[in-house]
Amino acid sequence: MREAVVVASSRTGLAKSFRGTFNMTRPEDLAAHCIRDVLRKAPALDAAEIEDVILGCAQPHGMQGMNVARRSALLAGLPASVAGATVNRFCSSGLQAIAMAAHRIHEGADAAIGGGVESISLVQRDVNVHPALVQQYPGLYMEMGVTAEVVAKRYKISREAQDEYALSSQQRTARAQSEGFFADEIAPMEVTMAVLDKTTGQQIGTKQARCDRDECNRPDTTLEGLLALKPHFDPTSGHGTVTAGNSSQLSDGASATLLMSRERADTLNIPYKLIYRGFVVA
């Protein structure tokens, strides 16, 4: 089997949904920015050699419908001969897309791009529940915070353990940012963002902004502050443990990973970071 290698990756910073830098930036623009940047990191590769652009998207409707991967590829300047496909496996959609890009290499392609894009700000959650399915599989339509409560109860993960891990994550992120750990992977992006009234949430204007780092962490977080928060997804049972402080934040952003066949990368003298070995869904 031909070996697929990871040549380069690029991503935007993760911006806060609704209130963050990308609250007016279309998903195609986010993804196209990453595609252009990842190709910049492999200048010896002709963009026309890309066989496929595969992007994961958890909410592939609205601005993210109609094959957002294909539209993003064209917006990035790739020729119309380059194919595009959008895949949905919810929160692991981007990982699935990278795996599928690697499979394209295994099957004969010399280069492919896998990645992901999501604009929570501009694409609202739209679910039409099937009555029979929700009766037979009530967990099918659960949101992530509710499933986190299920996992915590099933595996006896205490509130204290969750808050301690959340604090550690905040501290690690703050240190990584201060030391420039993410600088090589983030493609800074200048955009127009909406300015919102803090009281009403209504738009009161716009401004130019630059996203060159993740907006999700809060370096001043303390364990005492986390422990003081009330459970958000199970507020009434007395056994809820998942709070706004130990949950992931809603974010907008995109990423792109360039994969090539090992032979083609060697021929073009393009260095690679990893060899893809496999992907399994449990």
Protein backbone atom coordinates (compact mmCIF):
# COMPACT_ATOMS: atom_id res chain seq x y z
CA MET A 1 0.00 0.00 0.00
CA ARG A 2 1.22 3.53 -0.80
CA GLU A 3 2.16 5.52 2.28
CA ALA A 4 0.33 8.77 3.07
CA VAL A 5 2.37 11.41 4.86
CA VAL A 6 1.31 14.59 6.64
CA VAL A 7 3.24 17.46 5.10
CA ALA A 8 1.81 20.52 6.83
CA SER A 9 -1.16 21.87 8.74
CA SER A 10 -2.66 25.29 9.17
CA ARG A 11 -5.53 26.63 11.21
CA THR A 12 -7.18 29.82 12.27
CA GLY A 13 -7.27 30.80 15.88
CA LEU A 14 -10.40 29.59 17.65
CA ALA A 15 -12.64 32.62 18.07
CA LYS A 16 -15.47 32.89 20.56
CA SER A 17 -18.80 32.27 18.88
CA PHE A 18 -21.19 35.24 18.69
CA ARG A 19 -18.89 37.64 20.60
CA GLY A 20 -15.56 36.77 19.00
CA THR A 21 -13.50 37.93 16.05
CA PHE A 22 -15.14 35.65 13.46
CA ASN A 23 -18.77 36.50 14.26
CA MET A 24 -19.23 37.96 10.76
CA THR A 25 -16.76 35.78 8.82
CA ARG A 26 -18.26 33.22 6.48
CA PRO A 27 -17.11 29.60 6.88
CA GLU A 28 -15.84 29.44 3.29
CA ASP A 29 -13.54 32.37 4.01
CA LEU A 30 -12.18 30.67 7.14
CA ALA A 31 -11.49 27.41 5.32
CA ALA A 32 -10.09 29.06 2.18
CA HIS A 33 -7.66 31.04 4.33
CA CYS A 34 -6.31 27.80 5.83
CA ILE A 35 -6.10 26.05 2.45
CA ARG A 36 -4.05 28.89 0.99
CA ASP A 37 -1.77 28.96 4.02
CA VAL A 38 -1.11 25.22 4.11
CA LEU A 39 -0.19 25.26 0.41
CA ARG A 40 2.17 28.17 1.12
CA LYS A 41 4.08 25.79 3.42
CA ALA A 42 4.77 23.43 0.49
CA PRO A 43 5.78 25.78 -2.34
CA ALA A 44 7.20 22.97 -4.49
CA LEU A 45 3.72 21.45 -4.88
CA ASP A 46 1.55 22.73 -7.73
CA ALA A 47 -1.98 23.32 -6.40
CA ALA A 48 -3.34 21.56 -9.48
CA GLU A 49 -1.88 18.31 -8.11
CA ILE A 50 -4.39 18.34 -5.24
CA GLU A 51 -6.84 15.56 -6.05
CA ASP A 52 -9.43 16.32 -3.39
CA VAL A 53 -10.28 18.78 -0.62
CA ILE A 54 -12.27 17.07 2.14
CA LEU A 55 -13.60 19.15 5.02
CA GLY A 56 -15.48 18.05 8.10
CA CYS A 57 -18.44 20.12 9.21
CA ALA A 58 -20.80 19.32 12.09
CA GLN A 59 -23.60 21.55 10.80
CA PRO A 60 -23.55 21.27 7.00
CA HIS A 61 -26.49 23.55 6.29
CA GLY A 62 -27.07 27.25 5.66
CA MET A 63 -23.75 28.90 4.80
CA GLN A 64 -22.10 25.53 5.40
CA GLY A 65 -24.44 23.64 3.08
CA MET A 66 -24.09 22.88 -0.63
CA ASN A 67 -20.66 21.25 -0.17
CA VAL A 68 -18.74 23.91 1.73
CA ALA A 69 -15.47 22.07 1.00
CA ARG A 70 -15.82 22.50 -2.74
CA ARG A 71 -16.71 26.18 -2.41
CA SER A 72 -13.82 26.77 -0.02
CA ALA A 73 -11.35 25.14 -2.42
CA LEU A 74 -12.47 27.38 -5.28
CA LEU A 75 -12.38 30.46 -3.06
CA ALA A 76 -8.82 29.54 -2.08
CA GLY A 77 -7.83 29.72 -5.74
CA LEU A 78 -7.55 26.01 -6.50
CA PRO A 79 -8.46 25.12 -10.09
CA ALA A 80 -11.95 23.85 -10.84
CA SER A 81 -10.44 20.45 -11.64
CA VAL A 82 -9.82 19.89 -7.90
CA ALA A 83 -12.67 17.96 -6.30
CA GLY A 84 -14.26 18.72 -2.94
CA ALA A 85 -16.34 16.80 -0.41
CA THR A 86 -17.93 17.66 2.93
CA VAL A 87 -18.27 15.03 5.67
CA ASN A 88 -20.18 15.08 8.97
CA ARG A 89 -19.18 13.07 12.02
CA PHE A 90 -20.06 15.87 14.43
CA CYS A 91 -17.15 16.81 16.70
CA SER A 92 -14.72 14.42 14.99
CA SER A 93 -15.63 15.56 11.47
CA GLY A 94 -12.23 17.14 10.84
CA LEU A 95 -10.39 13.99 11.94
CA GLN A 96 -12.61 11.92 9.67
CA ALA A 97 -11.83 14.25 6.78
CA ILE A 98 -8.08 13.84 7.29
CA ALA A 99 -8.49 10.05 7.38
CA MET A 100 -10.47 10.16 4.14
CA ALA A 101 -7.79 12.33 2.52
CA ALA A 102 -5.19 9.74 3.55
CA HIS A 103 -7.33 7.02 1.99
CA ARG A 104 -7.32 8.98 -1.28
CA ILE A 105 -3.51 8.84 -1.17
CA HIS A 106 -3.64 5.08 -0.54
CA GLU A 107 -5.87 4.72 -3.59
CA GLY A 108 -3.54 6.55 -5.97
CA ALA A 109 -3.75 10.30 -5.40
CA ASP A 110 -0.48 12.17 -4.93
CA ALA A 111 -1.89 14.98 -2.79
CA ALA A 112 -5.08 15.78 -0.90
CA ILE A 113 -6.25 18.18 1.78
CA GLY A 114 -8.30 17.22 4.83
CA GLY A 115 -9.58 19.58 7.48
CA GLY A 116 -12.61 21.13 9.06
CA VAL A 117 -14.66 24.28 9.35
CA GLU A 118 -17.38 25.48 11.69
CA SER A 119 -19.12 28.80 12.22
CA ILE A 120 -21.38 28.52 15.24
CA SER A 121 -22.01 32.26 14.97
CA LEU A 122 -23.47 32.24 11.47
CA VAL A 123 -24.99 28.75 11.20
CA GLN A 124 -27.56 28.12 13.88
CA ARG A 125 -28.35 24.62 15.11
CA ASP A 126 -31.38 23.36 13.19
CA VAL A 127 -32.71 19.94 14.22
CA ASN A 128 -35.92 18.31 13.07
CA VAL A 129 -36.41 15.34 15.41
CA HIS A 130 -37.78 12.10 13.96
CA PRO A 131 -40.55 10.96 16.37
CA ALA A 132 -39.89 7.22 16.04
CA LEU A 133 -36.11 7.53 16.34
CA VAL A 134 -36.24 9.69 19.44
CA GLN A 135 -38.52 7.13 21.09
CA GLN A 136 -36.23 4.20 20.28
CA TYR A 137 -32.91 6.03 20.73
CA PRO A 138 -33.52 8.95 23.12
CA GLY A 139 -29.80 9.72 23.32
CA LEU A 140 -29.50 10.26 19.58
CA TYR A 141 -30.35 13.95 19.76
CA MET A 142 -28.52 14.78 22.99
CA GLU A 143 -26.27 17.81 22.93
CA MET A 144 -22.66 17.44 24.01
CA GLY A 145 -23.11 18.86 27.51
CA VAL A 146 -25.84 16.34 28.28
CA THR A 147 -23.73 13.44 27.02
CA ALA A 148 -20.89 14.72 29.22
CA GLU A 149 -23.20 14.35 32.21
CA VAL A 150 -23.98 10.78 31.15
CA VAL A 151 -20.27 9.95 30.86
CA ALA A 152 -19.46 11.56 34.22
CA LYS A 153 -22.15 9.56 36.02
CA ARG A 154 -21.39 6.30 34.21
CA TYR A 155 -17.66 6.39 34.91
CA LYS A 156 -17.90 8.19 38.26
CA ILE A 157 -15.92 11.26 37.25
CA SER A 158 -16.38 13.70 40.11
CA ARG A 159 -17.07 17.40 39.84
CA GLU A 160 -13.78 18.07 41.61
CA ALA A 161 -11.82 15.97 39.11
CA GLN A 162 -13.46 17.79 36.20
CA ASP A 163 -12.76 21.22 37.66
CA GLU A 164 -9.15 20.35 38.47
CA TYR A 165 -8.60 19.14 34.91
CA ALA A 166 -10.30 22.25 33.52
CA LEU A 167 -7.99 24.45 35.57
CA SER A 168 -4.95 22.52 34.36
CA SER A 169 -6.13 22.92 30.77
CA GLN A 170 -6.56 26.68 31.21
CA GLN A 171 -3.08 26.98 32.72
CA ARG A 172 -1.43 24.88 30.02
CA THR A 173 -3.11 26.89 27.28
CA ALA A 174 -2.05 30.17 28.85
CA ARG A 175 1.55 28.98 29.12
CA ALA A 176 1.55 27.63 25.55
CA GLN A 177 0.27 30.96 24.23
CA SER A 178 2.79 32.99 26.21
CA GLU A 179 5.63 30.81 24.90
CA GLY A 180 4.41 30.94 21.28
CA PHE A 181 3.75 27.21 21.10
CA PHE A 182 0.89 27.58 18.59
CA ALA A 183 2.47 30.30 16.45
CA ASP A 184 3.60 28.02 13.61
CA GLU A 185 0.21 26.39 13.13
CA ILE A 186 -2.05 29.46 13.33
CA ALA A 187 -2.60 31.55 10.19
CA PRO A 188 -3.46 35.06 11.45
CA MET A 189 -6.55 36.50 9.81
CA GLU A 190 -7.82 40.08 9.57
CA VAL A 191 -11.58 40.44 9.31
CA THR A 192 -14.53 42.71 9.99
CA MET A 193 -16.37 41.73 13.17
CA ALA A 194 -19.67 42.79 14.65
CA VAL A 195 -19.66 44.86 17.82
CA LEU A 196 -22.45 43.77 20.15
CA ASP A 197 -24.18 45.56 22.99
CA LYS A 198 -23.14 43.70 26.15
CA THR A 199 -26.61 44.03 27.66
CA THR A 200 -28.91 43.27 24.73
CA GLY A 201 -26.60 41.26 22.49
CA GLN A 202 -27.71 43.37 19.53
CA GLN A 203 -25.23 44.55 16.92
CA ILE A 204 -24.33 48.20 17.35
CA GLY A 205 -21.53 48.47 14.82
CA THR A 206 -18.52 46.83 13.21
CA LYS A 207 -14.76 47.06 13.54
CA GLN A 208 -11.62 45.64 11.99
CA ALA A 209 -10.04 42.87 14.03
CA ARG A 210 -7.20 40.36 13.83
CA CYS A 211 -7.33 36.79 15.12
CA ASP A 212 -3.84 35.41 15.68
CA ARG A 213 -4.47 33.30 18.79
CA ASP A 214 -7.18 31.19 20.39
CA GLU A 215 -9.76 33.28 22.22
CA CYS A 216 -11.14 30.42 24.28
CA ASN A 217 -8.99 30.31 27.40
CA ARG A 218 -9.26 32.39 30.56
CA PRO A 219 -5.81 32.67 32.19
CA ASP A 220 -7.23 34.15 35.40
CA THR A 221 -9.32 31.04 36.14
CA THR A 222 -9.07 29.70 39.70
CA LEU A 223 -10.19 26.42 41.23
CA GLU A 224 -12.35 28.32 43.70
CA GLY A 225 -14.08 30.11 40.85
CA LEU A 226 -14.73 26.86 39.00
CA LEU A 227 -16.12 25.12 42.07
CA ALA A 228 -18.54 28.01 42.64
CA LEU A 229 -20.28 27.57 39.28
CA LYS A 230 -23.64 25.81 39.11
CA PRO A 231 -24.24 22.75 36.89
CA HIS A 232 -25.59 23.89 33.54
CA PHE A 233 -26.89 20.73 31.87
CA ASP A 234 -28.33 18.97 34.94
CA PRO A 235 -29.25 21.79 37.30
CA THR A 236 -32.08 20.10 39.22
CA SER A 237 -31.09 16.54 40.14
CA GLY A 238 -28.48 17.50 42.69
CA HIS A 239 -25.94 15.29 40.90
CA GLY A 240 -24.98 17.52 37.97
CA THR A 241 -21.25 18.13 37.47
CA VAL A 242 -20.83 19.80 34.07
CA THR A 243 -20.61 23.59 34.27
CA ALA A 244 -19.74 26.50 32.02
CA GLY A 245 -16.27 26.39 33.56
CA ASN A 246 -15.39 22.77 32.77
CA SER A 247 -17.10 22.62 29.37
CA SER A 248 -15.63 23.43 25.98
CA GLN A 249 -16.53 26.84 24.62
CA LEU A 250 -18.54 27.39 21.44
CA SER A 251 -16.03 28.54 18.83
CA ASP A 252 -15.64 29.51 15.18
CA GLY A 253 -12.65 28.40 13.13
CA ALA A 254 -11.16 26.20 10.43
CA SER A 255 -8.15 24.04 9.65
CA ALA A 256 -6.45 22.36 6.70
CA THR A 257 -3.92 19.51 6.59
CA LEU A 258 -1.92 18.67 3.47
CA LEU A 259 -1.25 14.99 2.85
CA MET A 260 0.85 13.53 0.06
CA SER A 261 2.12 10.20 -1.09
CA ARG A 262 5.53 9.56 0.39
CA GLU A 263 6.96 8.99 -3.08
CA ARG A 264 5.71 12.32 -4.44
CA ALA A 265 6.88 14.23 -1.38
CA ASP A 266 10.35 12.69 -1.72
CA THR A 267 10.45 13.48 -5.44
CA LEU A 268 9.68 17.15 -4.77
CA ASN A 269 12.00 17.24 -1.73
CA ILE A 270 9.08 18.23 0.48
CA PRO A 271 9.69 17.23 4.12
CA TYR A 272 6.88 15.58 6.03
CA LYS A 273 5.97 15.44 9.71
CA LEU A 274 4.11 12.14 10.10
CA ILE A 275 3.20 8.92 8.33
CA TYR A 276 -0.51 8.12 8.45
CA ARG A 277 -1.10 4.60 9.77
CA GLY A 278 -4.83 4.31 10.34
CA PHE A 279 -8.06 5.60 11.82
CA VAL A 280 -10.61 3.69 13.87
CA VAL A 281 -14.04 4.64 15.20
CA ALA A 282 -14.96 3.03 18.52
